[in-house]
Amino acid sequence: MDEAVQSAAAKLVRRLRKGNYTITVAESCTGGLLASTLTDIAGASAYFRQSWVTYANEAKVKELGVNSDTLEKRGAVSAKVAIQMAQGARERSGADYAIAVTGIAGPSNEGSNKPVGTVYVGIASASWATSVRTEIGGNREQNKNGFVHFALLSAMDCWDDAMVRSREEHEEAARAKLAEEQRRQALEVAIEAREMEAQERAPWQDEAWEKDTEDGDFSLSDDIAWTDGEE
């Protein structure tokens, strides 16, 4: 295995181990090479769940839940299929992340309108999924190795972008919560200030009620002379 590929795999595994994450893979054109690369690293059972090699379109539909209409309209080598492969693998394995690879390793493109060396890599988590594409020029072996290398690098790039977005969303949520708390406190202060102002403007209300209470019973007959209706 190429040293650059091994290095990329080791870097991805360090990310997985650091966050205690698990990963699964679904492959077509690479025929299990990506899974082999990740499991060549000792202790793979801690982060690697399982893998699929769905070479035929029927296998992609049956094993990963890829939409047959998508395969017919877009072709197996497409962004949509790469994403659906990754999503299907992640959901079925229960892993935190999934990588899917679908491409044309060569030597021919077998009737496809896409050139040999084209590959789509799908990466999915529980909250997001994306696909990236590239073209690699080489023979079949070189392309397969290149696809794996590209898949590993792409997974790390997507991972890092997702971590940045997650951190930004968390910070934005924290700012929004702080702003709401400050608004609530300001409202409470304003209400308290209005109540104090109202009391200062009409102190007689408190005094009047206090006087009525202190004087004892109050009777209308004390102040009004009742008559029998005759003058």
C-alpha atoms as a PDB file:
ATOM      1  CA  MET A   1       0.000   0.000   0.000  1.00  0.00           C
ATOM      2  CA  ASP A   2       1.209   3.488  -0.876  1.00  0.00           C
ATOM      3  CA  GLU A   3       2.708   5.401   2.067  1.00  0.00           C
ATOM      4  CA  ALA A   4       0.506   8.426   1.357  1.00  0.00           C
ATOM      5  CA  VAL A   5      -2.588   6.233   1.605  1.00  0.00           C
ATOM      6  CA  GLN A   6      -1.376   4.659   4.839  1.00  0.00           C
ATOM      7  CA  SER A   7      -0.650   8.091   6.296  1.00  0.00           C
ATOM      8  CA  ALA A   8      -4.117   9.375   5.369  1.00  0.00           C
ATOM      9  CA  ALA A   9      -5.740   6.307   6.907  1.00  0.00           C
ATOM     10  CA  ALA A  10      -3.757   6.769  10.125  1.00  0.00           C
ATOM     11  CA  LYS A  11      -4.827  10.422  10.359  1.00  0.00           C
ATOM     12  CA  LEU A  12      -8.488   9.536   9.893  1.00  0.00           C
ATOM     13  CA  VAL A  13      -8.267   6.775  12.479  1.00  0.00           C
ATOM     14  CA  ARG A  14      -6.736   9.205  14.987  1.00  0.00           C
ATOM     15  CA  ARG A  15      -9.776  11.427  14.552  1.00  0.00           C
ATOM     16  CA  LEU A  16     -12.087   8.467  15.119  1.00  0.00           C
ATOM     17  CA  ARG A  17     -10.263   7.324  18.218  1.00  0.00           C
ATOM     18  CA  LYS A  18     -10.026  10.799  19.692  1.00  0.00           C
ATOM     19  CA  GLY A  19     -13.777  11.288  19.505  1.00  0.00           C
ATOM     20  CA  ASN A  20     -14.616   7.643  20.211  1.00  0.00           C
ATOM     21  CA  TYR A  21     -16.428   7.471  16.850  1.00  0.00           C
ATOM     22  CA  THR A  22     -17.171   4.479  14.634  1.00  0.00           C
ATOM     23  CA  ILE A  23     -17.087   4.197  10.870  1.00  0.00           C
ATOM     24  CA  THR A  24     -18.402   1.941   8.137  1.00  0.00           C
ATOM     25  CA  VAL A  25     -17.706   1.841   4.400  1.00  0.00           C
ATOM     26  CA  ALA A  26     -19.551   0.873   1.231  1.00  0.00           C
ATOM     27  CA  GLU A  27     -17.534   0.267  -1.902  1.00  0.00           C
ATOM     28  CA  SER A  28     -18.064  -0.521  -5.526  1.00  0.00           C
ATOM     29  CA  CYS A  29     -15.081   0.097  -7.803  1.00  0.00           C
ATOM     30  CA  THR A  30     -12.475  -0.279  -5.028  1.00  0.00           C
ATOM     31  CA  GLY A  31     -13.667  -3.811  -4.217  1.00  0.00           C
ATOM     32  CA  GLY A  32     -12.967  -3.670  -0.469  1.00  0.00           C
ATOM     33  CA  LEU A  33      -9.629  -1.868  -0.677  1.00  0.00           C
ATOM     34  CA  LEU A  34     -10.843   1.019   1.506  1.00  0.00           C
ATOM     35  CA  ALA A  35     -12.049  -1.354   4.214  1.00  0.00           C
ATOM     36  CA  SER A  36      -8.766  -3.248   4.030  1.00  0.00           C
ATOM     37  CA  THR A  37      -6.786  -0.023   4.386  1.00  0.00           C
ATOM     38  CA  LEU A  38      -8.686   1.047   7.485  1.00  0.00           C
ATOM     39  CA  THR A  39      -8.504  -2.376   9.107  1.00  0.00           C
ATOM     40  CA  ASP A  40      -4.779  -2.741   8.417  1.00  0.00           C
ATOM     41  CA  ILE A  41      -4.292  -0.460  11.413  1.00  0.00           C
ATOM     42  CA  ALA A  42      -4.074  -2.336  14.707  1.00  0.00           C
ATOM     43  CA  GLY A  43      -7.049  -1.991  17.022  1.00  0.00           C
ATOM     44  CA  ALA A  44      -9.513  -1.502  14.175  1.00  0.00           C
ATOM     45  CA  SER A  45     -12.286  -3.251  16.093  1.00  0.00           C
ATOM     46  CA  ALA A  46     -12.596  -0.158  18.298  1.00  0.00           C
ATOM     47  CA  TYR A  47     -13.707   2.092  15.429  1.00  0.00           C
ATOM     48  CA  PHE A  48     -14.564  -0.064  12.392  1.00  0.00           C
ATOM     49  CA  ARG A  49     -18.092  -1.527  12.256  1.00  0.00           C
ATOM     50  CA  GLN A  50     -18.510  -3.339   8.936  1.00  0.00           C
ATOM     51  CA  SER A  51     -18.348  -2.890   5.174  1.00  0.00           C
ATOM     52  CA  TRP A  52     -20.131  -3.688   1.943  1.00  0.00           C
ATOM     53  CA  VAL A  53     -18.798  -4.355  -1.544  1.00  0.00           C
ATOM     54  CA  THR A  54     -21.833  -3.687  -3.724  1.00  0.00           C
ATOM     55  CA  TYR A  55     -20.414  -4.063  -7.187  1.00  0.00           C
ATOM     56  CA  ALA A  56     -23.667  -4.706  -9.030  1.00  0.00           C
ATOM     57  CA  ASN A  57     -26.488  -2.190  -9.095  1.00  0.00           C
ATOM     58  CA  GLU A  58     -28.862  -4.821  -7.721  1.00  0.00           C
ATOM     59  CA  ALA A  59     -26.610  -5.157  -4.675  1.00  0.00           C
ATOM     60  CA  LYS A  60     -26.612  -1.406  -4.127  1.00  0.00           C
ATOM     61  CA  VAL A  61     -30.414  -1.457  -4.055  1.00  0.00           C
ATOM     62  CA  LYS A  62     -30.793  -4.603  -1.963  1.00  0.00           C
ATOM     63  CA  GLU A  63     -27.965  -4.129   0.529  1.00  0.00           C
ATOM     64  CA  LEU A  64     -27.806  -0.352   0.889  1.00  0.00           C
ATOM     65  CA  GLY A  65     -31.226   0.875  -0.121  1.00  0.00           C
ATOM     66  CA  VAL A  66     -30.024   2.899  -3.107  1.00  0.00           C
ATOM     67  CA  ASN A  67     -32.982   4.160  -5.126  1.00  0.00           C
ATOM     68  CA  SER A  68     -33.353   2.201  -8.359  1.00  0.00           C
ATOM     69  CA  ASP A  69     -34.739   5.284 -10.140  1.00  0.00           C
ATOM     70  CA  THR A  70     -31.622   7.217  -9.155  1.00  0.00           C
ATOM     71  CA  LEU A  71     -29.438   4.471 -10.595  1.00  0.00           C
ATOM     72  CA  GLU A  72     -31.394   4.523 -13.832  1.00  0.00           C
ATOM     73  CA  LYS A  73     -31.439   8.297 -14.211  1.00  0.00           C
ATOM     74  CA  ARG A  74     -28.034   9.248 -12.789  1.00  0.00           C
ATOM     75  CA  GLY A  75     -26.018   6.093 -13.230  1.00  0.00           C
ATOM     76  CA  ALA A  76     -24.104   4.160 -10.585  1.00  0.00           C
ATOM     77  CA  VAL A  77     -21.190   6.591 -10.820  1.00  0.00           C
ATOM     78  CA  SER A  78     -22.898   9.731  -9.553  1.00  0.00           C
ATOM     79  CA  ALA A  79     -23.099  12.027  -6.563  1.00  0.00           C
ATOM     80  CA  LYS A  80     -26.625  10.916  -5.642  1.00  0.00           C
ATOM     81  CA  VAL A  81     -25.716   7.246  -5.589  1.00  0.00           C
ATOM     82  CA  ALA A  82     -22.546   7.894  -3.573  1.00  0.00           C
ATOM     83  CA  ILE A  83     -24.577   9.734  -0.937  1.00  0.00           C
ATOM     84  CA  GLN A  84     -27.287   7.078  -0.825  1.00  0.00           C
ATOM     85  CA  MET A  85     -24.673   4.344  -0.477  1.00  0.00           C
ATOM     86  CA  ALA A  86     -23.084   6.171   2.447  1.00  0.00           C
ATOM     87  CA  GLN A  87     -26.406   6.878   4.125  1.00  0.00           C
ATOM     88  CA  GLY A  88     -27.571   3.299   3.699  1.00  0.00           C
ATOM     89  CA  ALA A  89     -24.348   1.894   5.122  1.00  0.00           C
ATOM     90  CA  ARG A  90     -24.405   4.210   8.117  1.00  0.00           C
ATOM     91  CA  GLU A  91     -28.040   3.497   8.937  1.00  0.00           C
ATOM     92  CA  ARG A  92     -27.628  -0.269   8.624  1.00  0.00           C
ATOM     93  CA  SER A  93     -24.422  -0.441  10.626  1.00  0.00           C
ATOM     94  CA  GLY A  94     -25.283   2.100  13.307  1.00  0.00           C
ATOM     95  CA  ALA A  95     -21.877   3.728  12.833  1.00  0.00           C
ATOM     96  CA  ASP A  96     -21.286   7.416  13.425  1.00  0.00           C
ATOM     97  CA  TYR A  97     -19.820   7.979   9.957  1.00  0.00           C
ATOM     98  CA  ALA A  98     -19.841   6.235   6.600  1.00  0.00           C
ATOM     99  CA  ILE A  99     -17.739   6.513   3.465  1.00  0.00           C
ATOM    100  CA  ALA A 100     -18.923   5.249   0.081  1.00  0.00           C
ATOM    101  CA  VAL A 101     -16.944   4.941  -3.146  1.00  0.00           C
ATOM    102  CA  THR A 102     -18.324   4.525  -6.646  1.00  0.00           C
ATOM    103  CA  GLY A 103     -16.278   5.119  -9.771  1.00  0.00           C
ATOM    104  CA  ILE A 104     -14.740   3.801 -12.983  1.00  0.00           C
ATOM    105  CA  ALA A 105     -11.377   2.189 -12.378  1.00  0.00           C
ATOM    106  CA  GLY A 106     -10.863   1.047 -15.993  1.00  0.00           C
ATOM    107  CA  PRO A 107      -9.410   0.002 -18.274  1.00  0.00           C
ATOM    108  CA  SER A 108     -12.724   0.836 -20.035  1.00  0.00           C
ATOM    109  CA  ASN A 109     -15.739   2.828 -18.954  1.00  0.00           C
ATOM    110  CA  GLU A 110     -18.122  -0.008 -19.913  1.00  0.00           C
ATOM    111  CA  GLY A 111     -20.502   2.199 -21.880  1.00  0.00           C
ATOM    112  CA  SER A 112     -20.610   5.051 -19.377  1.00  0.00           C
ATOM    113  CA  ASN A 113     -20.292   8.603 -20.649  1.00  0.00           C
ATOM    114  CA  LYS A 114     -17.944   9.356 -17.760  1.00  0.00           C
ATOM    115  CA  PRO A 115     -14.202   8.957 -18.343  1.00  0.00           C
ATOM    116  CA  VAL A 116     -12.059   6.258 -16.773  1.00  0.00           C
ATOM    117  CA  GLY A 117     -10.650   7.489 -13.487  1.00  0.00           C
ATOM    118  CA  THR A 118     -13.861   9.249 -12.411  1.00  0.00           C
ATOM    119  CA  VAL A 119     -14.875   8.647  -8.805  1.00  0.00           C
ATOM    120  CA  TYR A 120     -17.533   9.928  -6.444  1.00  0.00           C
ATOM    121  CA  VAL A 121     -17.069   9.653  -2.702  1.00  0.00           C
ATOM    122  CA  GLY A 122     -20.062   9.928  -0.387  1.00  0.00           C
ATOM    123  CA  ILE A 123     -19.641  10.798   3.283  1.00  0.00           C
ATOM    124  CA  ALA A 124     -22.523  10.694   5.748  1.00  0.00           C
ATOM    125  CA  SER A 125     -23.252  11.209   9.428  1.00  0.00           C
ATOM    126  CA  ALA A 126     -26.540  11.214  11.283  1.00  0.00           C
ATOM    127  CA  SER A 127     -27.017  14.938  10.580  1.00  0.00           C
ATOM    128  CA  TRP A 128     -25.398  15.588   7.204  1.00  0.00           C
ATOM    129  CA  ALA A 129     -24.315  13.919   3.961  1.00  0.00           C
ATOM    130  CA  THR A 130     -22.297  15.109   0.997  1.00  0.00           C
ATOM    131  CA  SER A 131     -20.431  13.892  -2.060  1.00  0.00           C
ATOM    132  CA  VAL A 132     -17.207  14.934  -3.759  1.00  0.00           C
ATOM    133  CA  ARG A 133     -15.845  14.041  -7.188  1.00  0.00           C
ATOM    134  CA  THR A 134     -12.479  13.830  -8.887  1.00  0.00           C
ATOM    135  CA  GLU A 135     -10.766  12.262 -11.891  1.00  0.00           C
ATOM    136  CA  ILE A 136      -7.559  10.264 -11.631  1.00  0.00           C
ATOM    137  CA  GLY A 137      -5.483   9.283 -14.629  1.00  0.00           C
ATOM    138  CA  GLY A 138      -3.846   5.879 -14.431  1.00  0.00           C
ATOM    139  CA  ASN A 139      -4.271   2.172 -14.887  1.00  0.00           C
ATOM    140  CA  ARG A 140      -6.793   0.111 -12.946  1.00  0.00           C
ATOM    141  CA  GLU A 141      -4.550  -0.507  -9.936  1.00  0.00           C
ATOM    142  CA  GLN A 142      -3.420   3.088  -9.781  1.00  0.00           C
ATOM    143  CA  ASN A 143      -6.976   4.330  -9.998  1.00  0.00           C
ATOM    144  CA  LYS A 144      -8.185   2.048  -7.221  1.00  0.00           C
ATOM    145  CA  ASN A 145      -5.381   3.197  -4.930  1.00  0.00           C
ATOM    146  CA  GLY A 146      -6.039   6.798  -5.922  1.00  0.00           C
ATOM    147  CA  PHE A 147      -9.741   6.406  -5.201  1.00  0.00           C
ATOM    148  CA  VAL A 148      -9.015   5.128  -1.711  1.00  0.00           C
ATOM    149  CA  HIS A 149      -6.573   7.959  -1.048  1.00  0.00           C
ATOM    150  CA  PHE A 150      -9.086  10.522  -2.289  1.00  0.00           C
ATOM    151  CA  ALA A 151     -11.827   8.962  -0.150  1.00  0.00           C
ATOM    152  CA  LEU A 152      -9.725   9.203   3.005  1.00  0.00           C
ATOM    153  CA  LEU A 153      -8.693  12.802   2.348  1.00  0.00           C
ATOM    154  CA  SER A 154     -12.246  13.792   1.451  1.00  0.00           C
ATOM    155  CA  ALA A 155     -13.617  12.204   4.607  1.00  0.00           C
ATOM    156  CA  MET A 156     -11.192  14.211   6.731  1.00  0.00           C
ATOM    157  CA  ASP A 157     -11.986  17.458   4.890  1.00  0.00           C
ATOM    158  CA  CYS A 158     -15.729  16.915   5.303  1.00  0.00           C
ATOM    159  CA  TRP A 159     -15.212  15.958   8.925  1.00  0.00           C
ATOM    160  CA  ASP A 160     -13.223  19.122   9.638  1.00  0.00           C
ATOM    161  CA  ASP A 161     -15.807  21.284   7.856  1.00  0.00           C
ATOM    162  CA  ALA A 162     -18.585  19.635   9.847  1.00  0.00           C
ATOM    163  CA  MET A 163     -16.717  20.221  13.112  1.00  0.00           C
ATOM    164  CA  VAL A 164     -16.302  23.896  12.239  1.00  0.00           C
ATOM    165  CA  ARG A 165     -19.995  24.221  11.376  1.00  0.00           C
ATOM    166  CA  SER A 166     -20.974  22.430  14.558  1.00  0.00           C
ATOM    167  CA  ARG A 167     -18.768  24.712  16.656  1.00  0.00           C
ATOM    168  CA  GLU A 168     -20.152  27.806  14.920  1.00  0.00           C
ATOM    169  CA  GLU A 169     -23.739  26.612  15.424  1.00  0.00           C
ATOM    170  CA  HIS A 170     -23.008  25.909  19.089  1.00  0.00           C
ATOM    171  CA  GLU A 171     -21.481  29.355  19.554  1.00  0.00           C
ATOM    172  CA  GLU A 172     -24.402  30.998  17.758  1.00  0.00           C
ATOM    173  CA  ALA A 173     -26.864  29.127  19.962  1.00  0.00           C
ATOM    174  CA  ALA A 174     -24.925  30.229  23.042  1.00  0.00           C
ATOM    175  CA  ARG A 175     -24.982  33.849  21.864  1.00  0.00           C
ATOM    176  CA  ALA A 176     -28.714  33.659  21.193  1.00  0.00           C
ATOM    177  CA  LYS A 177     -29.337  32.185  24.653  1.00  0.00           C
ATOM    178  CA  LEU A 178     -27.258  34.921  26.285  1.00  0.00           C
ATOM    179  CA  ALA A 179     -29.085  37.632  24.333  1.00  0.00           C
ATOM    180  CA  GLU A 180     -32.451  36.199  25.381  1.00  0.00           C
ATOM    181  CA  GLU A 181     -31.380  36.080  29.032  1.00  0.00           C
ATOM    182  CA  GLN A 182     -30.168  39.684  28.848  1.00  0.00           C
ATOM    183  CA  ARG A 183     -33.466  40.720  27.239  1.00  0.00           C
ATOM    184  CA  ARG A 184     -35.420  38.945  29.986  1.00  0.00           C
ATOM    185  CA  GLN A 185     -33.367  40.591  32.728  1.00  0.00           C
ATOM    186  CA  ALA A 186     -33.764  44.016  31.111  1.00  0.00           C
ATOM    187  CA  LEU A 187     -37.525  43.484  30.933  1.00  0.00           C
ATOM    188  CA  GLU A 188     -37.672  42.547  34.605  1.00  0.00           C
ATOM    189  CA  VAL A 189     -35.683  45.644  35.535  1.00  0.00           C
ATOM    190  CA  ALA A 190     -37.997  47.836  33.442  1.00  0.00           C
ATOM    191  CA  ILE A 191     -41.116  46.329  35.047  1.00  0.00           C
ATOM    192  CA  GLU A 192     -39.676  46.830  38.532  1.00  0.00           C
ATOM    193  CA  ALA A 193     -38.759  50.428  37.712  1.00  0.00           C
ATOM    194  CA  ARG A 194     -42.290  51.168  36.462  1.00  0.00           C
ATOM    195  CA  GLU A 195     -43.810  49.672  39.605  1.00  0.00           C
ATOM    196  CA  MET A 196     -41.570  51.774  41.845  1.00  0.00           C
ATOM    197  CA  GLU A 197     -42.394  54.893  39.823  1.00  0.00           C
ATOM    198  CA  ALA A 198     -46.105  54.188  40.132  1.00  0.00           C
ATOM    199  CA  GLN A 199     -45.808  53.842  43.913  1.00  0.00           C
ATOM    200  CA  GLU A 200     -43.876  57.098  44.206  1.00  0.00           C
ATOM    201  CA  ARG A 201     -46.510  59.018  42.210  1.00  0.00           C
ATOM    202  CA  ALA A 202     -49.499  57.793  44.282  1.00  0.00           C
ATOM    203  CA  PRO A 203     -48.384  57.126  47.884  1.00  0.00           C
ATOM    204  CA  TRP A 204     -51.814  58.165  49.187  1.00  0.00           C
ATOM    205  CA  GLN A 205     -53.304  54.873  48.005  1.00  0.00           C
ATOM    206  CA  ASP A 206     -51.265  52.894  50.485  1.00  0.00           C
ATOM    207  CA  GLU A 207     -51.947  55.421  53.260  1.00  0.00           C
ATOM    208  CA  ALA A 208     -55.704  55.430  52.626  1.00  0.00           C
ATOM    209  CA  TRP A 209     -56.026  51.689  52.884  1.00  0.00           C
ATOM    210  CA  GLU A 210     -53.818  51.616  55.934  1.00  0.00           C
ATOM    211  CA  LYS A 211     -56.009  54.297  57.619  1.00  0.00           C
ATOM    212  CA  ASP A 212     -59.207  52.407  56.933  1.00  0.00           C
ATOM    213  CA  THR A 213     -57.727  49.317  58.479  1.00  0.00           C
ATOM    214  CA  GLU A 214     -56.439  51.114  61.562  1.00  0.00           C
ATOM    215  CA  ASP A 215     -59.707  53.007  62.315  1.00  0.00           C
ATOM    216  CA  GLY A 216     -61.632  49.783  62.717  1.00  0.00           C
ATOM    217  CA  ASP A 217     -65.150  49.095  61.437  1.00  0.00           C
ATOM    218  CA  PHE A 218     -66.574  51.445  58.899  1.00  0.00           C
ATOM    219  CA  SER A 219     -70.319  52.107  58.787  1.00  0.00           C
ATOM    220  CA  LEU A 220     -72.308  54.189  56.366  1.00  0.00           C
ATOM    221  CA  SER A 221     -74.672  55.143  59.168  1.00  0.00           C
ATOM    222  CA  ASP A 222     -71.916  57.163  60.851  1.00  0.00           C
ATOM    223  CA  ASP A 223     -71.945  59.757  58.104  1.00  0.00           C
ATOM    224  CA  ILE A 224     -75.450  59.559  56.580  1.00  0.00           C
ATOM    225  CA  ALA A 225     -78.757  60.408  58.262  1.00  0.00           C
ATOM    226  CA  TRP A 226     -81.453  58.029  57.077  1.00  0.00           C
ATOM    227  CA  THR A 227     -85.099  59.158  56.940  1.00  0.00           C
ATOM    228  CA  ASP A 228     -88.378  57.390  56.512  1.00  0.00           C
ATOM    229  CA  GLY A 229     -89.117  59.273  53.338  1.00  0.00           C
ATOM    230  CA  GLU A 230     -91.054  62.135  54.989  1.00  0.00           C
ATOM    231  CA  GLU A 231     -89.727  65.649  55.371  1.00  0.00           C
END
